[in-house]
Amino acid sequence: KATVSVLNCGGARGGMMNPTPDQVAKRPVPKADSEAPECEEHGCNVRFGLMKRRHHCRGCGFIYCDKHCKNMAEIPLLGYYTPVRICDGCLINGVEDPEDAMPPPVHGKTDKKEKKEKKDKKEKKEKKSKEEKKEKEEKKGKKKKGK
């Protein structure tokens, strides 16, 4: 396991340093364990349980299996001056600012439940739109009959 610095924060940093409030505020909020029943790496279907542990990436906050979150790196921008666990995506892409700390779409899995909710919402909206259109046409028809 190699230890690397994901970001050069500018200037030499010697000894232990405490993170500033700004650095702590930039850290991604880790996902709750209950939100990830399996590894969030795209294409990895490893389910977590007694034998497979979850690992939170300190760079993006997502949850991965040990295979996809085995890297250790310093992230001075986020106040991590000693090596912390990061995923493959954060190691490859780096963590440069809070917006970059979020993984690209293929880095984390899309939540199936969220996708279904969006689809259902869209279908409901389309159905409502059709019903409203039908009602308007019926009202126009009644007005024409009344004249």
C-alpha atoms as a PDB file:
ATOM      1  CA  LYS A   1       0.000   0.000   0.000  1.00  0.00           C
ATOM      2  CA  ALA A   2       1.550   3.225  -1.146  1.00  0.00           C
ATOM      3  CA  THR A   3       0.933   6.474   0.688  1.00  0.00           C
ATOM      4  CA  VAL A   4       0.626   9.560  -1.487  1.00  0.00           C
ATOM      5  CA  SER A   5      -0.445  13.169  -1.163  1.00  0.00           C
ATOM      6  CA  VAL A   6      -3.591  13.728  -3.209  1.00  0.00           C
ATOM      7  CA  LEU A   7      -3.165  17.493  -3.150  1.00  0.00           C
ATOM      8  CA  ASN A   8      -0.266  19.859  -2.743  1.00  0.00           C
ATOM      9  CA  CYS A   9      -1.762  22.564  -0.561  1.00  0.00           C
ATOM     10  CA  GLY A  10       1.215  24.878  -1.104  1.00  0.00           C
ATOM     11  CA  GLY A  11       4.192  25.150   1.199  1.00  0.00           C
ATOM     12  CA  ALA A  12       5.875  22.581   3.387  1.00  0.00           C
ATOM     13  CA  ARG A  13       3.832  21.222   6.259  1.00  0.00           C
ATOM     14  CA  GLY A  14       5.871  19.833   9.091  1.00  0.00           C
ATOM     15  CA  GLY A  15       4.667  17.954  12.139  1.00  0.00           C
ATOM     16  CA  MET A  16       1.071  17.462  13.230  1.00  0.00           C
ATOM     17  CA  MET A  17      -1.439  20.142  12.356  1.00  0.00           C
ATOM     18  CA  ASN A  18      -5.018  20.505  13.459  1.00  0.00           C
ATOM     19  CA  PRO A  19      -7.564  21.139  10.697  1.00  0.00           C
ATOM     20  CA  THR A  20      -9.051  24.614  10.461  1.00  0.00           C
ATOM     21  CA  PRO A  21     -12.839  25.060  10.647  1.00  0.00           C
ATOM     22  CA  ASP A  22     -12.814  25.887   6.906  1.00  0.00           C
ATOM     23  CA  GLN A  23     -11.061  22.601   6.125  1.00  0.00           C
ATOM     24  CA  VAL A  24     -13.505  20.622   8.240  1.00  0.00           C
ATOM     25  CA  ALA A  25     -16.446  22.396   6.552  1.00  0.00           C
ATOM     26  CA  LYS A  26     -15.122  21.333   3.130  1.00  0.00           C
ATOM     27  CA  ARG A  27     -15.114  17.649   4.069  1.00  0.00           C
ATOM     28  CA  PRO A  28     -17.862  15.637   2.370  1.00  0.00           C
ATOM     29  CA  VAL A  29     -20.604  14.333   4.625  1.00  0.00           C
ATOM     30  CA  PRO A  30     -20.150  10.547   4.833  1.00  0.00           C
ATOM     31  CA  LYS A  31     -23.141   8.524   3.699  1.00  0.00           C
ATOM     32  CA  ALA A  32     -24.982   6.550   6.353  1.00  0.00           C
ATOM     33  CA  ASP A  33     -24.204   2.815   6.386  1.00  0.00           C
ATOM     34  CA  SER A  34     -27.890   2.062   5.794  1.00  0.00           C
ATOM     35  CA  GLU A  35     -27.769   3.980   2.485  1.00  0.00           C
ATOM     36  CA  ALA A  36     -25.249   1.571   0.961  1.00  0.00           C
ATOM     37  CA  PRO A  37     -26.073  -2.128   1.253  1.00  0.00           C
ATOM     38  CA  GLU A  38     -23.359  -2.818  -1.349  1.00  0.00           C
ATOM     39  CA  CYS A  39     -20.163  -1.255  -2.695  1.00  0.00           C
ATOM     40  CA  GLU A  40     -20.805   1.999  -4.563  1.00  0.00           C
ATOM     41  CA  GLU A  41     -18.089   1.452  -7.150  1.00  0.00           C
ATOM     42  CA  HIS A  42     -19.648   1.231 -10.608  1.00  0.00           C
ATOM     43  CA  GLY A  43     -19.964  -2.451 -11.570  1.00  0.00           C
ATOM     44  CA  CYS A  44     -19.058  -3.833  -8.133  1.00  0.00           C
ATOM     45  CA  ASN A  45     -21.885  -5.803  -6.553  1.00  0.00           C
ATOM     46  CA  VAL A  46     -20.205  -6.786  -3.278  1.00  0.00           C
ATOM     47  CA  ARG A  47     -22.837  -6.787  -0.526  1.00  0.00           C
ATOM     48  CA  PHE A  48     -21.803  -5.738   2.968  1.00  0.00           C
ATOM     49  CA  GLY A  49     -22.344  -7.983   5.965  1.00  0.00           C
ATOM     50  CA  LEU A  50     -20.467  -9.659   8.785  1.00  0.00           C
ATOM     51  CA  MET A  51     -17.626 -10.777   6.505  1.00  0.00           C
ATOM     52  CA  LYS A  52     -17.464  -7.713   4.210  1.00  0.00           C
ATOM     53  CA  ARG A  53     -16.879  -4.365   5.890  1.00  0.00           C
ATOM     54  CA  ARG A  54     -17.829  -0.909   4.638  1.00  0.00           C
ATOM     55  CA  HIS A  55     -15.098   1.677   4.124  1.00  0.00           C
ATOM     56  CA  HIS A  56     -15.888   5.398   3.881  1.00  0.00           C
ATOM     57  CA  CYS A  57     -13.723   7.363   1.484  1.00  0.00           C
ATOM     58  CA  ARG A  58     -12.524  10.565   3.179  1.00  0.00           C
ATOM     59  CA  GLY A  59     -12.305  12.299  -0.202  1.00  0.00           C
ATOM     60  CA  CYS A  60     -15.863  11.800  -1.488  1.00  0.00           C
ATOM     61  CA  GLY A  61     -17.820  10.354   1.448  1.00  0.00           C
ATOM     62  CA  PHE A  62     -19.083   7.324  -0.471  1.00  0.00           C
ATOM     63  CA  ILE A  63     -18.949   3.757   0.847  1.00  0.00           C
ATOM     64  CA  TYR A  64     -16.824   1.055  -0.787  1.00  0.00           C
ATOM     65  CA  CYS A  65     -15.568  -2.475  -0.237  1.00  0.00           C
ATOM     66  CA  ASP A  66     -11.927  -2.958   0.739  1.00  0.00           C
ATOM     67  CA  LYS A  67     -10.960  -3.663  -2.890  1.00  0.00           C
ATOM     68  CA  HIS A  68     -12.058  -0.184  -4.052  1.00  0.00           C
ATOM     69  CA  CYS A  69     -11.060   1.804  -0.962  1.00  0.00           C
ATOM     70  CA  LYS A  70      -7.639   0.482   0.009  1.00  0.00           C
ATOM     71  CA  ASN A  71      -5.571   3.581  -0.822  1.00  0.00           C
ATOM     72  CA  MET A  72      -4.109   5.820   1.860  1.00  0.00           C
ATOM     73  CA  ALA A  73      -3.363   9.485   1.182  1.00  0.00           C
ATOM     74  CA  GLU A  74      -2.973  12.867   2.829  1.00  0.00           C
ATOM     75  CA  ILE A  75      -5.598  15.449   1.849  1.00  0.00           C
ATOM     76  CA  PRO A  76      -4.317  18.782   3.220  1.00  0.00           C
ATOM     77  CA  LEU A  77      -7.185  20.742   1.651  1.00  0.00           C
ATOM     78  CA  LEU A  78      -9.600  18.858   3.910  1.00  0.00           C
ATOM     79  CA  GLY A  79      -7.303  18.978   6.929  1.00  0.00           C
ATOM     80  CA  TYR A  80      -6.024  15.405   6.684  1.00  0.00           C
ATOM     81  CA  TYR A  81      -2.270  15.736   7.218  1.00  0.00           C
ATOM     82  CA  THR A  82      -1.793  12.067   7.940  1.00  0.00           C
ATOM     83  CA  PRO A  83      -2.811   9.354   5.463  1.00  0.00           C
ATOM     84  CA  VAL A  84      -6.521   8.509   5.425  1.00  0.00           C
ATOM     85  CA  ARG A  85      -8.495   5.934   3.443  1.00  0.00           C
ATOM     86  CA  ILE A  86      -9.569   7.065  -0.043  1.00  0.00           C
ATOM     87  CA  CYS A  87     -11.239   5.270  -2.941  1.00  0.00           C
ATOM     88  CA  ASP A  88      -9.706   4.521  -6.334  1.00  0.00           C
ATOM     89  CA  GLY A  89     -11.622   7.378  -7.991  1.00  0.00           C
ATOM     90  CA  CYS A  90     -10.339  10.020  -5.570  1.00  0.00           C
ATOM     91  CA  LEU A  91      -6.807   8.646  -5.917  1.00  0.00           C
ATOM     92  CA  ILE A  92      -6.998   8.863  -9.723  1.00  0.00           C
ATOM     93  CA  ASN A  93      -8.945  12.146  -9.991  1.00  0.00           C
ATOM     94  CA  GLY A  94      -7.530  13.841  -6.920  1.00  0.00           C
ATOM     95  CA  VAL A  95      -9.446  15.969  -4.446  1.00  0.00           C
ATOM     96  CA  GLU A  96      -8.884  19.631  -5.250  1.00  0.00           C
ATOM     97  CA  ASP A  97     -11.952  21.435  -3.902  1.00  0.00           C
ATOM     98  CA  PRO A  98     -15.302  20.533  -2.323  1.00  0.00           C
ATOM     99  CA  GLU A  99     -17.058  20.237  -5.692  1.00  0.00           C
ATOM    100  CA  ASP A 100     -14.408  17.782  -6.912  1.00  0.00           C
ATOM    101  CA  ALA A 101     -14.789  15.751  -3.731  1.00  0.00           C
ATOM    102  CA  MET A 102     -18.032  14.332  -5.117  1.00  0.00           C
ATOM    103  CA  PRO A 103     -17.490  11.389  -7.408  1.00  0.00           C
ATOM    104  CA  PRO A 104     -18.295  11.511 -11.122  1.00  0.00           C
ATOM    105  CA  PRO A 105     -21.417   9.542 -12.176  1.00  0.00           C
ATOM    106  CA  VAL A 106     -19.564   6.286 -12.939  1.00  0.00           C
ATOM    107  CA  HIS A 107     -17.571   6.601  -9.695  1.00  0.00           C
ATOM    108  CA  GLY A 108     -20.598   5.884  -7.497  1.00  0.00           C
ATOM    109  CA  LYS A 109     -23.676   3.812  -8.252  1.00  0.00           C
ATOM    110  CA  THR A 110     -26.931   5.555  -9.005  1.00  0.00           C
ATOM    111  CA  ASP A 111     -29.470   4.738  -6.355  1.00  0.00           C
ATOM    112  CA  LYS A 112     -32.093   2.389  -7.848  1.00  0.00           C
ATOM    113  CA  LYS A 113     -34.759   3.633  -5.465  1.00  0.00           C
ATOM    114  CA  GLU A 114     -34.055   7.258  -6.394  1.00  0.00           C
ATOM    115  CA  LYS A 115     -34.204   6.394 -10.114  1.00  0.00           C
ATOM    116  CA  LYS A 116     -37.557   4.646  -9.640  1.00  0.00           C
ATOM    117  CA  GLU A 117     -38.946   7.605  -7.665  1.00  0.00           C
ATOM    118  CA  LYS A 118     -37.906  10.012 -10.437  1.00  0.00           C
ATOM    119  CA  LYS A 119     -39.501   7.781 -13.074  1.00  0.00           C
ATOM    120  CA  ASP A 120     -42.727   7.462 -11.054  1.00  0.00           C
ATOM    121  CA  LYS A 121     -42.838  11.222 -10.497  1.00  0.00           C
ATOM    122  CA  LYS A 122     -42.373  11.862 -14.222  1.00  0.00           C
ATOM    123  CA  GLU A 123     -45.123   9.371 -15.131  1.00  0.00           C
ATOM    124  CA  LYS A 124     -47.470  10.911 -12.560  1.00  0.00           C
ATOM    125  CA  LYS A 125     -46.791  14.395 -13.938  1.00  0.00           C
ATOM    126  CA  GLU A 126     -47.447  13.221 -17.516  1.00  0.00           C
ATOM    127  CA  LYS A 127     -50.698  11.505 -16.437  1.00  0.00           C
ATOM    128  CA  LYS A 128     -51.854  14.648 -14.635  1.00  0.00           C
ATOM    129  CA  SER A 129     -51.020  16.757 -17.686  1.00  0.00           C
ATOM    130  CA  LYS A 130     -53.061  14.431 -19.939  1.00  0.00           C
ATOM    131  CA  GLU A 131     -56.008  14.541 -17.516  1.00  0.00           C
ATOM    132  CA  GLU A 132     -55.916  18.352 -17.384  1.00  0.00           C
ATOM    133  CA  LYS A 133     -55.794  18.533 -21.182  1.00  0.00           C
ATOM    134  CA  LYS A 134     -58.745  16.137 -21.433  1.00  0.00           C
ATOM    135  CA  GLU A 135     -60.750  18.214 -18.916  1.00  0.00           C
ATOM    136  CA  LYS A 136     -60.083  21.419 -20.907  1.00  0.00           C
ATOM    137  CA  GLU A 137     -61.260  19.720 -24.102  1.00  0.00           C
ATOM    138  CA  GLU A 138     -64.420  18.480 -22.341  1.00  0.00           C
ATOM    139  CA  LYS A 139     -65.152  22.005 -21.028  1.00  0.00           C
ATOM    140  CA  LYS A 140     -64.701  23.432 -24.549  1.00  0.00           C
ATOM    141  CA  GLY A 141     -67.083  20.782 -25.891  1.00  0.00           C
ATOM    142  CA  LYS A 142     -69.726  21.644 -23.280  1.00  0.00           C
ATOM    143  CA  LYS A 143     -69.442  25.374 -24.053  1.00  0.00           C
ATOM    144  CA  LYS A 144     -69.937  24.733 -27.775  1.00  0.00           C
ATOM    145  CA  LYS A 145     -73.023  22.549 -27.073  1.00  0.00           C
ATOM    146  CA  GLY A 146     -74.473  25.237 -24.807  1.00  0.00           C
ATOM    147  CA  LYS A 147     -74.313  27.919 -27.562  1.00  0.00           C
END
